[in-house]
Structures are given as structure tokens and as C-alpha cells.
């Protein structure tokens, strides 16, 4: 089926602007600063994008919303590990990647990515969203997973269970034996040929839009609920300690980070996902806060949150 790549690009650009406006409004009108970039393709990689960043806000300590539309002569290894038959192909990749690191440890860090790849006669969509709390509130976990299920519901009954399980599996620090956060959705290779549901182009594109919009609504609602809650030095220290786990995942395990670096992408745009401050300690600074959070990342990982009140 004929794809409409330019419509994907228009949607992603519009979504970037909508998300920046919504989060900026919560952060006392503080705006994201756009960094527009272009590459001419002389090095084998060309394209353009906008990395929108909010740093040192009243609510968001660092937030990055990056749109990119890149073309390359050869897919990097991070993109062909699951599909080696595509190795050596030229490609075009469009996407928006989002990471929000709030200042208040009562607010979780959130991440969202939606992307589209085209490599000759093969195309596919991928993405998802996930939540990384520090001072966990079960009501937030339930609301987050309900948003994930709602994003999937119009497309296929099997999507949420499979993509939720994929998220739990992907965002897991094996060297720590714990999840990065409380999950959400994660999917790869969604198309009418390789993907698990064999959806036509229009439905795959519709699913991309649904994931992005459900993330925006769920994240902004959570931010509005929690950003003004009180906290002290104890909670802040614990947030910085747990942010170290977030940095470990991004630098050691994240395929998106690897793809960006392997393809010669803009390092600052790739690493805008890193927390602005983090701390590594030999031991946890707070066993009581560990006792509240860690069950959600270990023994309760995979729990049916949709069945909870």
C-alpha cells in the first residue's frame, strides 16, 4: 500500500508543538526553547529536526521534545538487530522522542517515543510510553495503564496486553534485577508485513497518533495533580539516587540512544533524555522509601493494574 510519509511528518511536528505548549502552561508559562538543525547528507546522513528543551523551570527541571526527520545510506546495527535482512539498506526515519524530568520528586519522570521507518519497500512504526516514579502513588500507576489500554482499544484487543508485556520486558535493568519504572506500552515493527497484528498503513499511523495523544493527556493530568505537592531534602536526595538508574538504562541498554549514536546523530539531542542531576551511592540513602517503591519494580511488575480500583 502507498504510504504517506509527509502526513506522518506533519502530525509529528504539530504534536511536538502541542505538547510543548501544554507542559509549558503548567510550568507557569515557561516556554520550550527550539533548536532547529539540518544536515546536508554529505556524510551519508541527512535530514532536519527541532529539539525543543525546557531547563531549570519551576516545574520541569529538564524536558526535551525532539522531532527528527533523517535519511541515511545505511541502517545502523541498532535498527537491524531484529531484522538482519534489512542490513545495508538506505532509510528514512521520522519520530518524536520525549523525556520529562520534573523538579518535584512527587512527580514521576515520563518518557514517550513514536517513530516511523522506511527502508526501500519495507516500512514500520514503533514507540510507546512509560512512567518512572520515585515516590510512587498507586492511583497514578492505575491511571497510566488505563490511558495505555485506551490508546490500544480501537485497534486490536490483543495490543495492550502484548505491548504492556513488551514494555515490562524492555525497560528492565538486568544487572539490577529491577524495572526502570512501572511500565506502559512499548512496540516495534508494527506494519502489515512484520508486525504482530498485520495492520494496514492507515491503522498503524492511527495507532501512532493515539499513543501520542493519550500520552499527552495522561502526562499533563498527572503533572497538574502532583507538581505542587510538598517535599523536602530527604525526598530530593532519593529522587537523585533513583535517577542514577534512569541514566544507567539510557546509556547501557536503550536502543534509541544506540541508534542515534551509531547513525551519527546529534549527540546533544540524543542525550537530552538524561536527567540534569543524578547521584550514585554505594547503598540506598533511604530504606523506607525503597520499601515503598521497589515492590512496584520487582514483585509487582506485571500486575493487572486495569483490575484495580
Protein backbone atom coordinates (compact mmCIF):
# COMPACT_ATOMS: atom_id res chain seq x y z
CA UNK A 1 0.00 0.00 0.00
CA UNK A 2 1.18 3.52 -0.76
CA UNK A 3 2.44 5.27 2.36
CA UNK A 4 2.02 8.95 3.12
CA UNK A 5 5.25 9.87 4.87
CA UNK A 6 4.63 13.61 4.64
CA UNK A 7 1.42 13.23 6.68
CA UNK A 8 3.44 11.50 9.39
CA UNK A 9 5.87 14.40 9.41
CA UNK A 10 3.11 16.98 9.70
CA UNK A 11 1.46 15.13 12.57
CA UNK A 12 4.74 14.79 14.47
CA UNK A 13 5.61 18.47 14.07
CA UNK A 14 2.14 19.50 15.26
CA UNK A 15 2.29 17.10 18.19
CA UNK A 16 5.65 18.49 19.30
CA UNK A 17 4.17 21.98 19.41
CA UNK A 18 1.03 20.86 21.26
CA UNK A 19 2.98 19.00 23.93
CA UNK A 20 5.43 21.86 24.48
CA UNK A 21 2.54 24.31 24.84
CA UNK A 22 0.63 22.10 27.29
CA UNK A 23 3.62 21.40 29.56
CA UNK A 24 4.83 25.00 29.32
CA UNK A 25 1.44 26.22 30.51
CA UNK A 26 1.74 24.11 33.68
CA UNK A 27 5.28 25.40 34.20
CA UNK A 28 3.98 28.96 34.75
CA UNK A 29 4.07 29.73 31.04
CA UNK A 30 7.74 28.85 30.70
CA UNK A 31 8.41 28.04 27.07
CA UNK A 32 10.48 25.32 25.45
CA UNK A 33 13.43 26.73 23.50
CA UNK A 34 13.61 25.29 19.96
CA UNK A 35 16.94 24.29 18.46
CA UNK A 36 16.47 23.87 14.70
CA UNK A 37 19.05 21.75 12.90
CA UNK A 38 19.77 20.48 9.38
CA UNK A 39 22.31 18.10 7.85
CA UNK A 40 23.13 18.16 4.15
CA UNK A 41 23.76 14.42 3.75
CA UNK A 42 27.38 14.74 2.66
CA UNK A 43 28.46 12.35 5.45
CA UNK A 44 25.88 9.73 4.48
CA UNK A 45 23.28 11.05 6.92
CA UNK A 46 21.00 13.97 6.16
CA UNK A 47 17.78 15.47 7.38
CA UNK A 48 16.38 18.05 9.74
CA UNK A 49 14.68 18.43 13.06
CA UNK A 50 13.80 20.55 16.06
CA UNK A 51 14.98 19.75 19.57
CA UNK A 52 12.77 21.71 21.99
CA UNK A 53 14.18 21.96 25.51
CA UNK A 54 12.95 23.40 28.79
CA UNK A 55 15.61 23.57 31.52
CA UNK A 56 15.52 24.94 35.06
CA UNK A 57 11.79 25.57 35.00
CA UNK A 58 9.66 25.97 38.09
CA UNK A 59 8.06 22.56 37.48
CA UNK A 60 10.23 20.84 34.83
CA UNK A 61 13.91 20.57 35.71
CA UNK A 62 14.64 19.28 32.22
CA UNK A 63 12.21 18.44 29.48
CA UNK A 64 13.10 17.51 25.93
CA UNK A 65 10.73 17.10 22.97
CA UNK A 66 12.75 16.20 19.90
CA UNK A 67 11.38 15.93 16.35
CA UNK A 68 13.65 14.44 13.71
CA UNK A 69 13.37 13.50 10.04
CA UNK A 70 16.59 11.82 8.95
CA UNK A 71 17.79 9.94 5.88
CA UNK A 72 20.80 7.67 5.71
CA UNK A 73 22.72 5.50 3.29
CA UNK A 74 22.77 2.51 5.65
CA UNK A 75 20.66 1.39 8.59
CA UNK A 76 22.78 1.17 11.76
CA UNK A 77 23.11 -2.08 13.71
CA UNK A 78 20.60 -1.00 16.38
CA UNK A 79 17.88 -0.91 13.70
CA UNK A 80 18.70 -4.25 12.05
CA UNK A 81 19.39 -6.49 15.06
CA UNK A 82 15.86 -7.91 14.92
CA UNK A 83 15.62 -7.78 11.11
CA UNK A 84 19.04 -8.61 9.65
CA UNK A 85 17.55 -8.89 6.17
CA UNK A 86 17.39 -5.08 6.13
CA UNK A 87 21.10 -4.61 6.78
CA UNK A 88 22.75 -2.29 4.29
CA UNK A 89 19.55 -0.60 3.14
CA UNK A 90 19.13 3.13 2.92
CA UNK A 91 16.45 4.52 5.20
CA UNK A 92 14.28 7.40 6.26
CA UNK A 93 13.24 7.75 9.90
CA UNK A 94 10.81 10.25 11.44
CA UNK A 95 9.90 10.50 15.08
CA UNK A 96 9.25 12.47 18.22
CA UNK A 97 11.03 11.50 21.41
CA UNK A 98 10.02 12.94 24.78
CA UNK A 99 11.55 12.80 28.25
CA UNK A 100 10.26 14.91 31.13
CA UNK A 101 12.28 15.15 34.35
CA UNK A 102 10.20 17.14 36.86
CA UNK A 103 11.83 19.03 39.69
CA UNK A 104 9.44 17.74 42.36
CA UNK A 105 10.18 14.11 43.34
CA UNK A 106 6.44 13.65 43.92
CA UNK A 107 6.08 13.71 40.11
CA UNK A 108 7.39 10.74 38.08
CA UNK A 109 9.71 11.04 35.14
CA UNK A 110 7.88 10.25 31.92
CA UNK A 111 9.08 9.09 28.51
CA UNK A 112 7.34 8.78 25.16
CA UNK A 113 8.55 7.96 21.68
CA UNK A 114 6.72 7.48 18.39
CA UNK A 115 8.65 6.76 15.22
CA UNK A 116 8.32 5.66 11.61
CA UNK A 117 10.96 3.91 9.48
CA UNK A 118 11.05 3.33 5.75
CA UNK A 119 13.73 1.15 4.13
CA UNK A 120 13.00 0.58 0.48
CA UNK A 121 9.78 -1.38 0.13
CA UNK A 122 9.56 -2.07 3.89
CA UNK A 123 8.09 0.31 6.46
CA UNK A 124 7.23 0.05 10.13
CA UNK A 125 6.09 2.03 13.16
CA UNK A 126 7.32 1.81 16.75
CA UNK A 127 7.14 3.63 20.04
CA UNK A 128 5.30 3.72 23.33
CA UNK A 129 5.34 5.47 26.69
CA UNK A 130 6.40 4.59 30.22
CA UNK A 131 6.47 6.09 33.71
CA UNK A 132 9.28 6.17 36.29
CA UNK A 133 8.07 7.25 39.75
CA UNK A 134 10.22 7.97 42.80
CA UNK A 135 7.55 8.46 45.49
CA UNK A 136 5.05 6.09 43.97
CA UNK A 137 1.29 6.65 44.16
CA UNK A 138 -0.71 3.63 43.06
CA UNK A 139 -3.51 5.82 41.70
CA UNK A 140 -1.02 7.25 39.19
CA UNK A 141 0.04 3.76 38.11
CA UNK A 142 -3.58 2.73 37.54
CA UNK A 143 -4.43 5.89 35.62
CA UNK A 144 -1.32 5.49 33.48
CA UNK A 145 -2.18 1.94 32.47
CA UNK A 146 -5.78 2.86 31.78
CA UNK A 147 -4.50 5.51 29.38
CA UNK A 148 -2.28 2.89 27.73
CA UNK A 149 -5.19 0.47 27.36
CA UNK A 150 -7.41 3.23 25.95
CA UNK A 151 -4.76 4.10 23.36
CA UNK A 152 -4.87 0.49 22.11
CA UNK A 153 -8.58 -0.27 22.42
CA UNK A 154 -9.82 0.96 19.00
CA UNK A 155 -7.23 -1.09 17.09
CA UNK A 156 -6.93 -4.66 18.43
CA UNK A 157 -7.94 -6.40 21.66
CA UNK A 158 -4.54 -8.04 21.96
CA UNK A 159 -2.48 -4.88 21.67
CA UNK A 160 -2.46 -3.63 25.25
CA UNK A 161 -1.52 -6.97 26.88
CA UNK A 162 1.25 -7.62 24.38
CA UNK A 163 2.68 -4.11 24.26
CA UNK A 164 2.43 -3.73 28.03
CA UNK A 165 4.38 -7.01 28.47
CA UNK A 166 6.92 -5.84 25.90
CA UNK A 167 7.34 -2.62 27.88
CA UNK A 168 7.92 -4.53 31.13
CA UNK A 169 10.50 -6.68 29.36
CA UNK A 170 12.30 -3.84 27.57
CA UNK A 171 12.58 -1.29 30.37
CA UNK A 172 14.31 -3.71 32.73
CA UNK A 173 17.79 -3.37 34.20
CA UNK A 174 19.00 -6.96 34.23
CA UNK A 175 22.15 -6.04 36.11
CA UNK A 176 19.96 -4.61 38.89
CA UNK A 177 17.11 -7.11 38.75
CA UNK A 178 14.50 -4.34 38.65
CA UNK A 179 12.35 -2.46 36.18
CA UNK A 180 13.15 1.14 35.31
CA UNK A 181 9.62 2.15 36.19
CA UNK A 182 6.02 0.96 36.30
CA UNK A 183 5.63 0.37 32.58
CA UNK A 184 3.12 1.39 29.95
CA UNK A 185 3.46 0.47 26.27
CA UNK A 186 6.35 -0.46 24.01
CA UNK A 187 6.09 -1.78 20.44
CA UNK A 188 8.34 -2.38 17.44
CA UNK A 189 7.86 -3.48 13.83
CA UNK A 190 4.19 -2.54 13.59
CA UNK A 191 3.14 -2.89 9.96
CA UNK A 192 1.24 -5.18 7.60
CA UNK A 193 4.21 -7.49 6.98
CA UNK A 194 6.48 -7.94 10.03
CA UNK A 195 4.37 -6.79 12.94
CA UNK A 196 2.37 -9.00 15.29
CA UNK A 197 -1.03 -7.64 14.18
CA UNK A 198 -0.50 -7.09 10.44
CA UNK A 199 -2.31 -3.77 10.36
CA UNK A 200 -2.53 -1.72 7.17
CA UNK A 201 -0.79 1.62 6.83
CA UNK A 202 -3.70 3.83 7.88
CA UNK A 203 -4.35 1.90 11.10
CA UNK A 204 -0.66 1.86 12.01
CA UNK A 205 -0.49 5.61 11.51
CA UNK A 206 -3.70 5.99 13.52
CA UNK A 207 -2.17 4.00 16.34
CA UNK A 208 0.88 6.28 16.37
CA UNK A 209 -1.45 9.24 16.78
CA UNK A 210 -3.44 7.51 19.53
CA UNK A 211 -0.31 6.68 21.54
CA UNK A 212 0.96 10.26 21.29
CA UNK A 213 -2.35 11.86 22.27
CA UNK A 214 -3.02 9.51 25.18
CA UNK A 215 0.46 10.20 26.49
CA UNK A 216 -0.11 13.95 26.30
CA UNK A 217 -3.43 13.78 28.15
CA UNK A 218 -2.24 11.33 30.82
CA UNK A 219 1.06 13.06 31.48
CA UNK A 220 -0.29 16.60 31.68
CA UNK A 221 -3.10 15.47 34.02
CA UNK A 222 -0.56 13.75 36.30
CA UNK A 223 1.70 16.79 36.24
CA UNK A 224 -1.18 19.08 37.18
CA UNK A 225 -2.20 16.79 40.06
CA UNK A 226 1.20 16.42 41.66
CA UNK A 227 3.59 19.24 40.84
CA UNK A 228 2.59 21.40 43.81
CA UNK A 229 2.83 18.64 46.45
CA UNK A 230 5.32 19.30 49.22
CA UNK A 231 8.70 17.63 49.54
CA UNK A 232 11.96 18.10 51.40
CA UNK A 233 15.65 17.28 51.23
CA UNK A 234 15.01 13.61 52.04
CA UNK A 235 12.70 13.12 49.04
CA UNK A 236 15.01 15.12 46.76
CA UNK A 237 18.03 13.00 47.71
CA UNK A 238 16.10 9.84 46.98
CA UNK A 239 14.98 11.18 43.59
CA UNK A 240 18.60 11.91 42.63
CA UNK A 241 19.65 8.42 43.71
CA UNK A 242 16.91 6.76 41.65
CA UNK A 243 17.70 8.97 38.65
CA UNK A 244 21.01 7.16 38.53
CA UNK A 245 19.10 4.04 37.50
CA UNK A 246 17.44 6.02 34.71
CA UNK A 247 20.83 7.15 33.42
CA UNK A 248 22.17 3.59 33.58
CA UNK A 249 19.36 2.30 31.38
CA UNK A 250 19.71 5.07 28.80
CA UNK A 251 23.46 4.67 28.43
CA UNK A 252 23.74 0.89 28.64
CA UNK A 253 20.53 -0.60 27.25
CA UNK A 254 18.36 1.85 25.33
CA UNK A 255 18.13 1.04 21.60
CA UNK A 256 17.05 4.57 20.70
CA UNK A 257 20.18 6.05 22.25
CA UNK A 258 22.32 3.44 20.47
CA UNK A 259 20.58 4.08 17.12
CA UNK A 260 21.18 7.81 17.43
CA UNK A 261 24.85 7.46 18.29
CA UNK A 262 25.53 4.70 15.75
CA UNK A 263 23.86 6.65 12.94
CA UNK A 264 25.91 9.76 13.65
CA UNK A 265 23.04 11.78 15.09
CA UNK A 266 23.33 14.97 17.12
CA UNK A 267 24.77 13.94 20.48
CA UNK A 268 23.15 16.78 22.43
CA UNK A 269 19.72 15.94 21.03
CA UNK A 270 20.20 12.25 21.81
CA UNK A 271 21.37 12.80 25.38
CA UNK A 272 18.77 15.43 26.25
CA UNK A 273 16.92 12.43 27.71
CA UNK A 274 19.43 12.24 30.56
CA UNK A 275 18.41 13.62 33.96
CA UNK A 276 20.01 17.00 34.68
CA UNK A 277 21.22 15.81 38.08
CA UNK A 278 21.71 12.28 39.38
CA UNK A 279 23.57 10.56 42.18
CA UNK A 280 25.16 7.13 42.56
CA UNK A 281 25.50 5.79 46.10
CA UNK A 282 27.00 2.52 47.23
CA UNK A 283 23.86 1.95 49.30
CA UNK A 284 20.38 3.39 49.06
CA UNK A 285 20.03 6.60 51.09
CA UNK A 286 16.56 5.63 52.33
CA UNK A 287 15.45 2.08 53.10
CA UNK A 288 11.92 3.22 53.96
CA UNK A 289 11.39 4.86 50.59
CA UNK A 290 12.94 1.78 48.96
CA UNK A 291 10.37 -0.38 50.72
CA UNK A 292 7.57 1.70 49.18
CA UNK A 293 8.94 1.85 45.62
CA UNK A 294 10.84 -1.38 44.94
CA UNK A 295 7.87 -3.79 45.04
CA UNK A 296 6.42 -1.94 42.03
CA UNK A 297 9.70 -2.57 40.16
CA UNK A 298 10.16 -6.20 41.20
CA UNK A 299 7.48 -8.43 42.76
CA UNK A 300 4.51 -6.37 41.47
CA UNK A 301 5.95 -5.98 37.98
CA UNK A 302 3.33 -7.27 35.56
CA UNK A 303 0.39 -6.79 37.93
CA UNK A 304 -3.02 -6.28 36.31
CA UNK A 305 -3.49 -2.60 37.04
CA UNK A 306 -6.68 -2.41 35.00
CA UNK A 307 -8.38 -4.65 37.57
CA UNK A 308 -7.57 -2.28 40.43
CA UNK A 309 -9.98 0.34 41.72
